[in-house]
PDB file of N, CA and C in Angstrom:
ATOM      1  N   MET A   1     -22.961  11.992  -1.270  1.00  0.00           N
ATOM      2  CA  MET A   1     -22.245  11.191  -2.238  1.00  0.00           C
ATOM      3  C   MET A   1     -23.238  10.450  -3.127  1.00  0.00           C
ATOM      4  N   ALA A   2     -22.995  10.549  -4.412  1.00  0.00           N
ATOM      5  CA  ALA A   2     -23.790   9.793  -5.378  1.00  0.00           C
ATOM      6  C   ALA A   2     -23.031   8.519  -5.723  1.00  0.00           C
ATOM      7  N   TYR A   3     -23.755   7.476  -6.005  1.00  0.00           N
ATOM      8  CA  TYR A   3     -23.147   6.189  -6.326  1.00  0.00           C
ATOM      9  C   TYR A   3     -23.341   5.933  -7.818  1.00  0.00           C
ATOM     10  N   LEU A   4     -22.281   6.143  -8.602  1.00  0.00           N
ATOM     11  CA  LEU A   4     -22.325   5.946 -10.048  1.00  0.00           C
ATOM     12  C   LEU A   4     -21.257   4.957 -10.460  1.00  0.00           C
ATOM     13  N   LEU A   5     -21.635   3.968 -11.248  1.00  0.00           N
ATOM     14  CA  LEU A   5     -20.699   2.996 -11.820  1.00  0.00           C
ATOM     15  C   LEU A   5     -19.831   2.323 -10.760  1.00  0.00           C
ATOM     16  N   GLY A   6     -20.420   2.034  -9.607  1.00  0.00           N
ATOM     17  CA  GLY A   6     -19.707   1.319  -8.564  1.00  0.00           C
ATOM     18  C   GLY A   6     -18.738   2.159  -7.762  1.00  0.00           C
ATOM     19  N   THR A   7     -18.877   3.487  -7.824  1.00  0.00           N
ATOM     20  CA  THR A   7     -17.973   4.373  -7.117  1.00  0.00           C
ATOM     21  C   THR A   7     -18.765   5.491  -6.457  1.00  0.00           C
ATOM     22  N   ASP A   8     -18.368   5.881  -5.261  1.00  0.00           N
ATOM     23  CA  ASP A   8     -18.966   7.049  -4.624  1.00  0.00           C
ATOM     24  C   ASP A   8     -18.373   8.297  -5.261  1.00  0.00           C
ATOM     25  N   VAL A   9     -19.244   9.102  -5.854  1.00  0.00           N
ATOM     26  CA  VAL A   9     -18.823  10.317  -6.542  1.00  0.00           C
ATOM     27  C   VAL A   9     -19.292  11.506  -5.712  1.00  0.00           C
ATOM     28  N   PRO A  10     -18.410  12.486  -5.417  1.00  0.00           N
ATOM     29  CA  PRO A  10     -18.816  13.632  -4.596  1.00  0.00           C
ATOM     30  C   PRO A  10     -19.911  14.458  -5.270  1.00  0.00           C
ATOM     31  N   ASP A  11     -20.921  14.836  -4.488  1.00  0.00           N
ATOM     32  CA  ASP A  11     -22.064  15.593  -5.018  1.00  0.00           C
ATOM     33  C   ASP A  11     -21.736  17.040  -5.330  1.00  0.00           C
ATOM     34  N   ASN A  12     -20.922  17.668  -4.516  1.00  0.00           N
ATOM     35  CA  ASN A  12     -20.731  19.103  -4.618  1.00  0.00           C
ATOM     36  C   ASN A  12     -19.680  19.523  -5.634  1.00  0.00           C
ATOM     37  N   LYS A  13     -19.042  18.597  -6.286  1.00  0.00           N
ATOM     38  CA  LYS A  13     -18.018  18.944  -7.284  1.00  0.00           C
ATOM     39  C   LYS A  13     -18.629  19.014  -8.672  1.00  0.00           C
ATOM     40  N   ARG A  14     -17.933  19.733  -9.564  1.00  0.00           N
ATOM     41  CA  ARG A  14     -18.389  19.803 -10.949  1.00  0.00           C
ATOM     42  C   ARG A  14     -18.308  18.416 -11.574  1.00  0.00           C
ATOM     43  N   ILE A  15     -19.128  18.194 -12.567  1.00  0.00           N
ATOM     44  CA  ILE A  15     -19.259  16.853 -13.130  1.00  0.00           C
ATOM     45  C   ILE A  15     -17.957  16.359 -13.758  1.00  0.00           C
ATOM     46  N   THR A  16     -17.196  17.260 -14.395  1.00  0.00           N
ATOM     47  CA  THR A  16     -15.953  16.818 -15.028  1.00  0.00           C
ATOM     48  C   THR A  16     -14.922  16.383 -13.990  1.00  0.00           C
ATOM     49  N   ILE A  17     -14.933  17.021 -12.832  1.00  0.00           N
ATOM     50  CA  ILE A  17     -13.999  16.659 -11.768  1.00  0.00           C
ATOM     51  C   ILE A  17     -14.496  15.415 -11.034  1.00  0.00           C
ATOM     52  N   ALA A  18     -15.795  15.341 -10.798  1.00  0.00           N
ATOM     53  CA  ALA A  18     -16.361  14.216 -10.041  1.00  0.00           C
ATOM     54  C   ALA A  18     -16.208  12.902 -10.798  1.00  0.00           C
ATOM     55  N   LEU A  19     -16.331  12.925 -12.118  1.00  0.00           N
ATOM     56  CA  LEU A  19     -16.210  11.695 -12.888  1.00  0.00           C
ATOM     57  C   LEU A  19     -14.795  11.132 -12.871  1.00  0.00           C
ATOM     58  N   THR A  20     -13.808  11.974 -12.577  1.00  0.00           N
ATOM     59  CA  THR A  20     -12.428  11.494 -12.526  1.00  0.00           C
ATOM     60  C   THR A  20     -12.183  10.599 -11.308  1.00  0.00           C
ATOM     61  N   LYS A  21     -13.107  10.560 -10.356  1.00  0.00           N
ATOM     62  CA  LYS A  21     -12.977   9.677  -9.191  1.00  0.00           C
ATOM     63  C   LYS A  21     -13.210   8.220  -9.574  1.00  0.00           C
ATOM     64  N   ILE A  22     -13.791   7.988 -10.751  1.00  0.00           N
ATOM     65  CA  ILE A  22     -14.023   6.638 -11.236  1.00  0.00           C
ATOM     66  C   ILE A  22     -12.734   6.148 -11.881  1.00  0.00           C
ATOM     67  N   TYR A  23     -12.258   4.967 -11.479  1.00  0.00           N
ATOM     68  CA  TYR A  23     -11.006   4.423 -11.986  1.00  0.00           C
ATOM     69  C   TYR A  23     -11.117   4.172 -13.493  1.00  0.00           C
ATOM     70  N   GLY A  24     -10.269   4.851 -14.252  1.00  0.00           N
ATOM     71  CA  GLY A  24     -10.260   4.683 -15.697  1.00  0.00           C
ATOM     72  C   GLY A  24     -10.797   5.891 -16.447  1.00  0.00           C
ATOM     73  N   ILE A  25     -11.359   6.857 -15.730  1.00  0.00           N
ATOM     74  CA  ILE A  25     -11.874   8.073 -16.369  1.00  0.00           C
ATOM     75  C   ILE A  25     -11.042   9.245 -15.878  1.00  0.00           C
ATOM     76  N   GLY A  26     -10.395   9.917 -16.824  1.00  0.00           N
ATOM     77  CA  GLY A  26      -9.609  11.098 -16.509  1.00  0.00           C
ATOM     78  C   GLY A  26     -10.343  12.354 -16.947  1.00  0.00           C
ATOM     79  N   LYS A  27      -9.623  13.473 -16.960  1.00  0.00           N
ATOM     80  CA  LYS A  27     -10.244  14.746 -17.328  1.00  0.00           C
ATOM     81  C   LYS A  27     -10.740  14.754 -18.765  1.00  0.00           C
ATOM     82  N   ASN A  28      -9.917  14.261 -19.680  1.00  0.00           N
ATOM     83  CA  ASN A  28     -10.321  14.295 -21.090  1.00  0.00           C
ATOM     84  C   ASN A  28     -11.519  13.397 -21.355  1.00  0.00           C
ATOM     85  N   LYS A  29     -11.538  12.214 -20.774  1.00  0.00           N
ATOM     86  CA  LYS A  29     -12.674  11.320 -20.976  1.00  0.00           C
ATOM     87  C   LYS A  29     -13.937  11.882 -20.346  1.00  0.00           C
ATOM     88  N   SER A  30     -13.809  12.528 -19.184  1.00  0.00           N
ATOM     89  CA  SER A  30     -14.990  13.098 -18.548  1.00  0.00           C
ATOM     90  C   SER A  30     -15.548  14.250 -19.382  1.00  0.00           C
ATOM     91  N   LYS A  31     -14.669  15.051 -19.972  1.00  0.00           N
ATOM     92  CA  LYS A  31     -15.138  16.129 -20.860  1.00  0.00           C
ATOM     93  C   LYS A  31     -15.798  15.553 -22.107  1.00  0.00           C
ATOM     94  N   PHE A  32     -15.238  14.460 -22.625  1.00  0.00           N
ATOM     95  CA  PHE A  32     -15.823  13.790 -23.792  1.00  0.00           C
ATOM     96  C   PHE A  32     -17.219  13.262 -23.475  1.00  0.00           C
ATOM     97  N   ILE A  33     -17.376  12.668 -22.302  1.00  0.00           N
ATOM     98  CA  ILE A  33     -18.669  12.141 -21.889  1.00  0.00           C
ATOM     99  C   ILE A  33     -19.688  13.266 -21.750  1.00  0.00           C
ATOM    100  N   CYS A  34     -19.291  14.357 -21.094  1.00  0.00           N
ATOM    101  CA  CYS A  34     -20.210  15.486 -20.904  1.00  0.00           C
ATOM    102  C   CYS A  34     -20.607  16.111 -22.239  1.00  0.00           C
ATOM    103  N   LYS A  35     -19.658  16.212 -23.143  1.00  0.00           N
ATOM    104  CA  LYS A  35     -19.951  16.796 -24.453  1.00  0.00           C
ATOM    105  C   LYS A  35     -20.956  15.930 -25.215  1.00  0.00           C
ATOM    106  N   ASN A  36     -20.770  14.610 -25.187  1.00  0.00           N
ATOM    107  CA  ASN A  36     -21.682  13.715 -25.905  1.00  0.00           C
ATOM    108  C   ASN A  36     -23.071  13.675 -25.282  1.00  0.00           C
ATOM    109  N   LEU A  37     -23.168  13.883 -23.977  1.00  0.00           N
ATOM    110  CA  LEU A  37     -24.466  13.871 -23.317  1.00  0.00           C
ATOM    111  C   LEU A  37     -25.132  15.242 -23.310  1.00  0.00           C
ATOM    112  N   GLY A  38     -24.399  16.271 -23.729  1.00  0.00           N
ATOM    113  CA  GLY A  38     -24.956  17.619 -23.764  1.00  0.00           C
ATOM    114  C   GLY A  38     -25.000  18.291 -22.410  1.00  0.00           C
ATOM    115  N   LEU A  39     -24.118  17.901 -21.513  1.00  0.00           N
ATOM    116  CA  LEU A  39     -24.050  18.498 -20.188  1.00  0.00           C
ATOM    117  C   LEU A  39     -22.974  19.575 -20.171  1.00  0.00           C
ATOM    118  N   THR A  40     -23.225  20.656 -19.430  1.00  0.00           N
ATOM    119  CA  THR A  40     -22.221  21.706 -19.317  1.00  0.00           C
ATOM    120  C   THR A  40     -21.177  21.299 -18.288  1.00  0.00           C
ATOM    121  N   ASP A  41     -20.018  21.938 -18.345  1.00  0.00           N
ATOM    122  CA  ASP A  41     -18.933  21.620 -17.410  1.00  0.00           C
ATOM    123  C   ASP A  41     -19.219  22.124 -16.001  1.00  0.00           C
ATOM    124  N   ASN A  42     -20.063  23.134 -15.876  1.00  0.00           N
ATOM    125  CA  ASN A  42     -20.290  23.763 -14.577  1.00  0.00           C
ATOM    126  C   ASN A  42     -21.378  23.086 -13.750  1.00  0.00           C
ATOM    127  N   ILE A  43     -22.092  22.132 -14.301  1.00  0.00           N
ATOM    128  CA  ILE A  43     -23.163  21.469 -13.565  1.00  0.00           C
ATOM    129  C   ILE A  43     -22.559  20.562 -12.492  1.00  0.00           C
ATOM    130  N   ARG A  44     -23.218  20.523 -11.350  1.00  0.00           N
ATOM    131  CA  ARG A  44     -22.764  19.681 -10.234  1.00  0.00           C
ATOM    132  C   ARG A  44     -23.534  18.364 -10.253  1.00  0.00           C
ATOM    133  N   ILE A  45     -22.991  17.371  -9.594  1.00  0.00           N
ATOM    134  CA  ILE A  45     -23.612  16.047  -9.592  1.00  0.00           C
ATOM    135  C   ILE A  45     -25.004  16.088  -8.953  1.00  0.00           C
ATOM    136  N   PHE A  46     -25.171  16.840  -7.865  1.00  0.00           N
ATOM    137  CA  PHE A  46     -26.475  16.865  -7.202  1.00  0.00           C
ATOM    138  C   PHE A  46     -27.537  17.573  -8.038  1.00  0.00           C
ATOM    139  N   GLU A  47     -27.121  18.350  -9.043  1.00  0.00           N
ATOM    140  CA  GLU A  47     -28.071  19.039  -9.910  1.00  0.00           C
ATOM    141  C   GLU A  47     -28.583  18.149 -11.042  1.00  0.00           C
ATOM    142  N   LEU A  48     -27.965  16.977 -11.230  1.00  0.00           N
ATOM    143  CA  LEU A  48     -28.394  16.066 -12.280  1.00  0.00           C
ATOM    144  C   LEU A  48     -29.717  15.406 -11.911  1.00  0.00           C
ATOM    145  N   THR A  49     -30.573  15.234 -12.896  1.00  0.00           N
ATOM    146  CA  THR A  49     -31.816  14.504 -12.657  1.00  0.00           C
ATOM    147  C   THR A  49     -31.522  13.012 -12.727  1.00  0.00           C
ATOM    148  N   ASN A  50     -32.471  12.219 -12.290  1.00  0.00           N
ATOM    149  CA  ASN A  50     -32.282  10.762 -12.352  1.00  0.00           C
ATOM    150  C   ASN A  50     -32.151  10.294 -13.794  1.00  0.00           C
ATOM    151  N   LYS A  51     -32.866  10.947 -14.697  1.00  0.00           N
ATOM    152  CA  LYS A  51     -32.792  10.591 -16.109  1.00  0.00           C
ATOM    153  C   LYS A  51     -31.399  10.862 -16.673  1.00  0.00           C
ATOM    154  N   GLN A  52     -30.798  11.987 -16.279  1.00  0.00           N
ATOM    155  CA  GLN A  52     -29.454  12.325 -16.729  1.00  0.00           C
ATOM    156  C   GLN A  52     -28.421  11.356 -16.155  1.00  0.00           C
ATOM    157  N   LYS A  53     -28.605  10.981 -14.896  1.00  0.00           N
ATOM    158  CA  LYS A  53     -27.684  10.010 -14.289  1.00  0.00           C
ATOM    159  C   LYS A  53     -27.781   8.663 -14.996  1.00  0.00           C
ATOM    160  N   PHE A  54     -29.003   8.262 -15.324  1.00  0.00           N
ATOM    161  CA  PHE A  54     -29.199   7.008 -16.035  1.00  0.00           C
ATOM    162  C   PHE A  54     -28.541   7.062 -17.410  1.00  0.00           C
ATOM    163  N   LYS A  55     -28.694   8.200 -18.118  1.00  0.00           N
ATOM    164  CA  LYS A  55     -28.054   8.372 -19.430  1.00  0.00           C
ATOM    165  C   LYS A  55     -26.540   8.293 -19.313  1.00  0.00           C
ATOM    166  N   LEU A  56     -25.998   8.900 -18.267  1.00  0.00           N
ATOM    167  CA  LEU A  56     -24.552   8.893 -18.033  1.00  0.00           C
ATOM    168  C   LEU A  56     -24.040   7.472 -17.845  1.00  0.00           C
ATOM    169  N   VAL A  57     -24.691   6.715 -16.998  1.00  0.00           N
ATOM    170  CA  VAL A  57     -24.274   5.333 -16.735  1.00  0.00           C
ATOM    171  C   VAL A  57     -24.434   4.489 -17.992  1.00  0.00           C
ATOM    172  N   TYR A  58     -25.537   4.665 -18.692  1.00  0.00           N
ATOM    173  CA  TYR A  58     -25.804   3.901 -19.911  1.00  0.00           C
ATOM    174  C   TYR A  58     -24.752   4.205 -20.983  1.00  0.00           C
ATOM    175  N   PHE A  59     -24.376   5.487 -21.119  1.00  0.00           N
ATOM    176  CA  PHE A  59     -23.381   5.882 -22.122  1.00  0.00           C
ATOM    177  C   PHE A  59     -22.024   5.257 -21.825  1.00  0.00           C
ATOM    178  N   VAL A  60     -21.603   5.303 -20.567  1.00  0.00           N
ATOM    179  CA  VAL A  60     -20.282   4.773 -20.207  1.00  0.00           C
ATOM    180  C   VAL A  60     -20.250   3.251 -20.357  1.00  0.00           C
ATOM    181  N   GLU A  61     -21.334   2.580 -19.962  1.00  0.00           N
ATOM    182  CA  GLU A  61     -21.357   1.124 -20.062  1.00  0.00           C
ATOM    183  C   GLU A  61     -21.385   0.637 -21.501  1.00  0.00           C
ATOM    184  N   ASN A  62     -21.992   1.387 -22.393  1.00  0.00           N
ATOM    185  CA  ASN A  62     -22.143   0.949 -23.779  1.00  0.00           C
ATOM    186  C   ASN A  62     -21.132   1.574 -24.734  1.00  0.00           C
ATOM    187  N   SER A  63     -20.169   2.298 -24.221  1.00  0.00           N
ATOM    188  CA  SER A  63     -19.132   2.869 -25.070  1.00  0.00           C
ATOM    189  C   SER A  63     -17.866   2.016 -24.973  1.00  0.00           C
ATOM    190  N   ASP A  64     -16.819   2.459 -25.627  1.00  0.00           N
ATOM    191  CA  ASP A  64     -15.550   1.724 -25.640  1.00  0.00           C
ATOM    192  C   ASP A  64     -14.681   2.019 -24.420  1.00  0.00           C
ATOM    193  N   ILE A  65     -15.186   2.789 -23.482  1.00  0.00           N
ATOM    194  CA  ILE A  65     -14.409   3.179 -22.315  1.00  0.00           C
ATOM    195  C   ILE A  65     -14.277   1.987 -21.366  1.00  0.00           C
ATOM    196  N   ILE A  66     -13.044   1.653 -21.032  1.00  0.00           N
ATOM    197  CA  ILE A  66     -12.770   0.540 -20.119  1.00  0.00           C
ATOM    198  C   ILE A  66     -12.540   1.125 -18.735  1.00  0.00           C
ATOM    199  N   ILE A  67     -13.327   0.668 -17.760  1.00  0.00           N
ATOM    200  CA  ILE A  67     -13.218   1.220 -16.414  1.00  0.00           C
ATOM    201  C   ILE A  67     -13.195   0.097 -15.382  1.00  0.00           C
ATOM    202  N   LYS A  68     -12.830   0.485 -14.169  1.00  0.00           N
ATOM    203  CA  LYS A  68     -12.876  -0.345 -12.979  1.00  0.00           C
ATOM    204  C   LYS A  68     -12.128  -1.665 -13.104  1.00  0.00           C
ATOM    205  N   SER A  69     -12.772  -2.762 -12.798  1.00  0.00           N
ATOM    206  CA  SER A  69     -12.092  -4.052 -12.718  1.00  0.00           C
ATOM    207  C   SER A  69     -11.614  -4.540 -14.079  1.00  0.00           C
ATOM    208  N   ASP A  70     -12.324  -4.175 -15.157  1.00  0.00           N
ATOM    209  CA  ASP A  70     -11.874  -4.563 -16.494  1.00  0.00           C
ATOM    210  C   ASP A  70     -10.528  -3.937 -16.813  1.00  0.00           C
ATOM    211  N   LEU A  71     -10.373  -2.671 -16.455  1.00  0.00           N
ATOM    212  CA  LEU A  71      -9.113  -1.970 -16.712  1.00  0.00           C
ATOM    213  C   LEU A  71      -7.986  -2.537 -15.865  1.00  0.00           C
ATOM    214  N   SER A  72      -8.245  -2.777 -14.591  1.00  0.00           N
ATOM    215  CA  SER A  72      -7.182  -3.316 -13.735  1.00  0.00           C
ATOM    216  C   SER A  72      -6.783  -4.715 -14.186  1.00  0.00           C
ATOM    217  N   ARG A  73      -7.751  -5.527 -14.635  1.00  0.00           N
ATOM    218  CA  ARG A  73      -7.443  -6.867 -15.141  1.00  0.00           C
ATOM    219  C   ARG A  73      -6.603  -6.775 -16.416  1.00  0.00           C
ATOM    220  N   LEU A  74      -6.935  -5.829 -17.287  1.00  0.00           N
ATOM    221  CA  LEU A  74      -6.202  -5.638 -18.532  1.00  0.00           C
ATOM    222  C   LEU A  74      -4.749  -5.254 -18.255  1.00  0.00           C
ATOM    223  N   LEU A  75      -4.543  -4.344 -17.297  1.00  0.00           N
ATOM    224  CA  LEU A  75      -3.186  -3.912 -16.952  1.00  0.00           C
ATOM    225  C   LEU A  75      -2.396  -5.039 -16.302  1.00  0.00           C
ATOM    226  N   LEU A  76      -3.059  -5.818 -15.453  1.00  0.00           N
ATOM    227  CA  LEU A  76      -2.392  -6.943 -14.799  1.00  0.00           C
ATOM    228  C   LEU A  76      -2.000  -8.015 -15.812  1.00  0.00           C
ATOM    229  N   ASP A  77      -2.869  -8.264 -16.783  1.00  0.00           N
ATOM    230  CA  ASP A  77      -2.547  -9.237 -17.835  1.00  0.00           C
ATOM    231  C   ASP A  77      -1.358  -8.780 -18.675  1.00  0.00           C
ATOM    232  N   ALA A  78      -1.286  -7.487 -18.954  1.00  0.00           N
ATOM    233  CA  ALA A  78      -0.165  -6.952 -19.728  1.00  0.00           C
ATOM    234  C   ALA A  78       1.142  -7.131 -18.953  1.00  0.00           C
ATOM    235  N   LYS A  79       1.081  -6.888 -17.642  1.00  0.00           N
ATOM    236  CA  LYS A  79       2.274  -7.043 -16.809  1.00  0.00           C
ATOM    237  C   LYS A  79       2.701  -8.503 -16.738  1.00  0.00           C
ATOM    238  N   LYS A  80       1.740  -9.417 -16.587  1.00  0.00           N
ATOM    239  CA  LYS A  80       2.049 -10.847 -16.545  1.00  0.00           C
ATOM    240  C   LYS A  80       2.640 -11.320 -17.862  1.00  0.00           C
ATOM    241  N   ARG A  81       2.153 -10.770 -18.960  1.00  0.00           N
ATOM    242  CA  ARG A  81       2.680 -11.136 -20.277  1.00  0.00           C
ATOM    243  C   ARG A  81       4.136 -10.731 -20.406  1.00  0.00           C
ATOM    244  N   LEU A  82       4.482  -9.531 -19.925  1.00  0.00           N
ATOM    245  CA  LEU A  82       5.870  -9.082 -19.985  1.00  0.00           C
ATOM    246  C   LEU A  82       6.778  -9.967 -19.132  1.00  0.00           C
ATOM    247  N   VAL A  83       6.283 -10.386 -17.977  1.00  0.00           N
ATOM    248  CA  VAL A  83       7.076 -11.258 -17.110  1.00  0.00           C
ATOM    249  C   VAL A  83       7.255 -12.628 -17.760  1.00  0.00           C
ATOM    250  N   ALA A  84       6.190 -13.137 -18.373  1.00  0.00           N
ATOM    251  CA  ALA A  84       6.258 -14.464 -18.998  1.00  0.00           C
ATOM    252  C   ALA A  84       7.195 -14.479 -20.197  1.00  0.00           C
ATOM    253  N   LEU A  85       7.250 -13.374 -20.941  1.00  0.00           N
ATOM    254  CA  LEU A  85       8.141 -13.289 -22.097  1.00  0.00           C
ATOM    255  C   LEU A  85       9.585 -12.994 -21.702  1.00  0.00           C
ATOM    256  N   ARG A  86       9.781 -12.721 -20.413  1.00  0.00           N
ATOM    257  CA  ARG A  86      11.107 -12.398 -19.886  1.00  0.00           C
ATOM    258  C   ARG A  86      11.736 -11.206 -20.588  1.00  0.00           C
ATOM    259  N   THR A  87      10.925 -10.180 -20.820  1.00  0.00           N
ATOM    260  CA  THR A  87      11.443  -8.942 -21.395  1.00  0.00           C
ATOM    261  C   THR A  87      12.153  -8.164 -20.288  1.00  0.00           C
ATOM    262  N   TYR A  88      12.901  -7.156 -20.693  1.00  0.00           N
ATOM    263  CA  TYR A  88      13.610  -6.334 -19.720  1.00  0.00           C
ATOM    264  C   TYR A  88      12.631  -5.689 -18.752  1.00  0.00           C
ATOM    265  N   ARG A  89      11.540  -5.158 -19.290  1.00  0.00           N
ATOM    266  CA  ARG A  89      10.524  -4.528 -18.447  1.00  0.00           C
ATOM    267  C   ARG A  89       9.897  -5.532 -17.489  1.00  0.00           C
ATOM    268  N   GLY A  90       9.688  -6.747 -17.957  1.00  0.00           N
ATOM    269  CA  GLY A  90       9.103  -7.774 -17.107  1.00  0.00           C
ATOM    270  C   GLY A  90      10.024  -8.179 -15.975  1.00  0.00           C
ATOM    271  N   ILE A  91      11.303  -8.345 -16.281  1.00  0.00           N
ATOM    272  CA  ILE A  91      12.284  -8.729 -15.265  1.00  0.00           C
ATOM    273  C   ILE A  91      12.418  -7.640 -14.208  1.00  0.00           C
ATOM    274  N   ARG A  92      12.512  -6.384 -14.657  1.00  0.00           N
ATOM    275  CA  ARG A  92      12.635  -5.265 -13.720  1.00  0.00           C
ATOM    276  C   ARG A  92      11.378  -5.132 -12.870  1.00  0.00           C
ATOM    277  N   SER A  93      10.244  -5.373 -13.478  1.00  0.00           N
ATOM    278  CA  SER A  93       8.990  -5.303 -12.744  1.00  0.00           C
ATOM    279  C   SER A  93       8.928  -6.378 -11.669  1.00  0.00           C
ATOM    280  N   LYS A  94       9.362  -7.560 -12.003  1.00  0.00           N
ATOM    281  CA  LYS A  94       9.362  -8.676 -11.056  1.00  0.00           C
ATOM    282  C   LYS A  94      10.333  -8.425  -9.899  1.00  0.00           C
ATOM    283  N   GLN A  95      11.458  -7.778 -10.191  1.00  0.00           N
ATOM    284  CA  GLN A  95      12.447  -7.474  -9.163  1.00  0.00           C
ATOM    285  C   GLN A  95      12.055  -6.268  -8.311  1.00  0.00           C
ATOM    286  N   GLY A  96      11.054  -5.509  -8.770  1.00  0.00           N
ATOM    287  CA  GLY A  96      10.624  -4.335  -8.022  1.00  0.00           C
ATOM    288  C   GLY A  96      11.523  -3.138  -8.213  1.00  0.00           C
ATOM    289  N   LEU A  97      12.206  -3.075  -9.341  1.00  0.00           N
ATOM    290  CA  LEU A  97      13.100  -1.965  -9.644  1.00  0.00           C
ATOM    291  C   LEU A  97      12.474  -1.066 -10.693  1.00  0.00           C
ATOM    292  N   PRO A  98      13.020   0.142 -10.893  1.00  0.00           N
ATOM    293  CA  PRO A  98      12.470   1.029 -11.912  1.00  0.00           C
ATOM    294  C   PRO A  98      12.525   0.388 -13.295  1.00  0.00           C
ATOM    295  N   ILE A  99      11.473   0.571 -14.061  1.00  0.00           N
ATOM    296  CA  ILE A  99      11.320  -0.123 -15.330  1.00  0.00           C
ATOM    297  C   ILE A  99      11.808   0.697 -16.507  1.00  0.00           C
ATOM    298  N   ARG A 100      11.662   1.993 -16.422  1.00  0.00           N
ATOM    299  CA  ARG A 100      11.867   2.836 -17.599  1.00  0.00           C
ATOM    300  C   ARG A 100      13.224   3.520 -17.654  1.00  0.00           C
ATOM    301  N   GLY A 101      14.232   2.874 -17.151  1.00  0.00           N
ATOM    302  CA  GLY A 101      15.593   3.376 -17.340  1.00  0.00           C
ATOM    303  C   GLY A 101      16.055   4.390 -16.328  1.00  0.00           C
ATOM    304  N   GLN A 102      15.359   4.538 -15.221  1.00  0.00           N
ATOM    305  CA  GLN A 102      15.791   5.510 -14.233  1.00  0.00           C
ATOM    306  C   GLN A 102      17.050   5.035 -13.518  1.00  0.00           C
ATOM    307  N   ARG A 103      17.747   5.984 -12.953  1.00  0.00           N
ATOM    308  CA  ARG A 103      18.979   5.695 -12.236  1.00  0.00           C
ATOM    309  C   ARG A 103      18.652   4.996 -10.914  1.00  0.00           C
ATOM    310  N   THR A 104      19.455   4.002 -10.536  1.00  0.00           N
ATOM    311  CA  THR A 104      19.187   3.282  -9.296  1.00  0.00           C
ATOM    312  C   THR A 104      20.295   3.452  -8.260  1.00  0.00           C
ATOM    313  N   HIS A 105      21.422   4.035  -8.658  1.00  0.00           N
ATOM    314  CA  HIS A 105      22.531   4.151  -7.710  1.00  0.00           C
ATOM    315  C   HIS A 105      22.174   5.078  -6.558  1.00  0.00           C
ATOM    316  N   THR A 106      21.665   6.266  -6.878  1.00  0.00           N
ATOM    317  CA  THR A 106      21.340   7.207  -5.812  1.00  0.00           C
ATOM    318  C   THR A 106      19.844   7.489  -5.714  1.00  0.00           C
ATOM    319  N   ASN A 107      19.111   7.289  -6.776  1.00  0.00           N
ATOM    320  CA  ASN A 107      17.682   7.599  -6.753  1.00  0.00           C
ATOM    321  C   ASN A 107      16.856   6.318  -6.604  1.00  0.00           C
ATOM    322  N   SER A 108      15.618   6.380  -6.964  1.00  0.00           N
ATOM    323  CA  SER A 108      14.662   5.263  -6.962  1.00  0.00           C
ATOM    324  C   SER A 108      14.434   4.694  -5.564  1.00  0.00           C
ATOM    325  N   LYS A 109      14.410   5.567  -4.558  1.00  0.00           N
ATOM    326  CA  LYS A 109      14.180   5.085  -3.197  1.00  0.00           C
ATOM    327  C   LYS A 109      12.786   4.503  -3.047  1.00  0.00           C
ATOM    328  N   THR A 110      11.806   5.081  -3.758  1.00  0.00           N
ATOM    329  CA  THR A 110      10.437   4.578  -3.662  1.00  0.00           C
ATOM    330  C   THR A 110      10.350   3.158  -4.193  1.00  0.00           C
ATOM    331  N   ALA A 111      10.962   2.920  -5.346  1.00  0.00           N
ATOM    332  CA  ALA A 111      10.917   1.582  -5.934  1.00  0.00           C
ATOM    333  C   ALA A 111      11.627   0.577  -5.036  1.00  0.00           C
ATOM    334  N   LYS A 112      12.725   0.991  -4.416  1.00  0.00           N
ATOM    335  CA  LYS A 112      13.451   0.078  -3.535  1.00  0.00           C
ATOM    336  C   LYS A 112      12.655  -0.215  -2.261  1.00  0.00           C
ATOM    337  N   LYS A 113      11.897   0.788  -1.758  1.00  0.00           N
ATOM    338  CA  LYS A 113      11.060   0.570  -0.595  1.00  0.00           C
ATOM    339  C   LYS A 113       9.944  -0.413  -0.919  1.00  0.00           C
ATOM    340  N   LEU A 114       9.320  -0.227  -2.080  1.00  0.00           N
ATOM    341  CA  LEU A 114       8.207  -1.070  -2.470  1.00  0.00           C
ATOM    342  C   LEU A 114       8.653  -2.486  -2.820  1.00  0.00           C
ATOM    343  N   LYS A 115       9.948  -2.662  -3.110  1.00  0.00           N
ATOM    344  CA  LYS A 115      10.485  -3.968  -3.496  1.00  0.00           C
ATOM    345  C   LYS A 115      10.311  -4.994  -2.378  1.00  0.00           C
ATOM    346  N   ASN A 116      10.365  -4.551  -1.141  1.00  0.00           N
ATOM    347  CA  ASN A 116      10.309  -5.463  -0.009  1.00  0.00           C
ATOM    348  C   ASN A 116       8.895  -5.925   0.316  1.00  0.00           C
ATOM    349  N   TYR A 117       7.901  -5.333  -0.312  1.00  0.00           N
ATOM    350  CA  TYR A 117       6.509  -5.690   0.020  1.00  0.00           C
ATOM    351  C   TYR A 117       5.929  -6.664  -0.925  1.00  0.00           C
TER     352      TYR A 117
END
């Protein structure tokens, strides 16, 4: 396991798949990062040199990509704002019910289970 950006990233996986283990980086962002750094999609994490790993970390930290705790804080602030404004989404979120208009009479068992926690 390689330790990149505060996350253990699997060594034996391709770089585009391994970068998705970092919270906030999906497939498209990982492909964007590899393209900008000039890395191929088939390269594995253990095949990267230390210089390439340093470039990868430097690129992600200095770009507009929001990852890890910054992203979770941003999402939590957005949720708190909806609750404070007493919007429909905020009220439903606070009650632990489905937010986006799903049926609750027979479905939404997951949301109802999570409501009690």
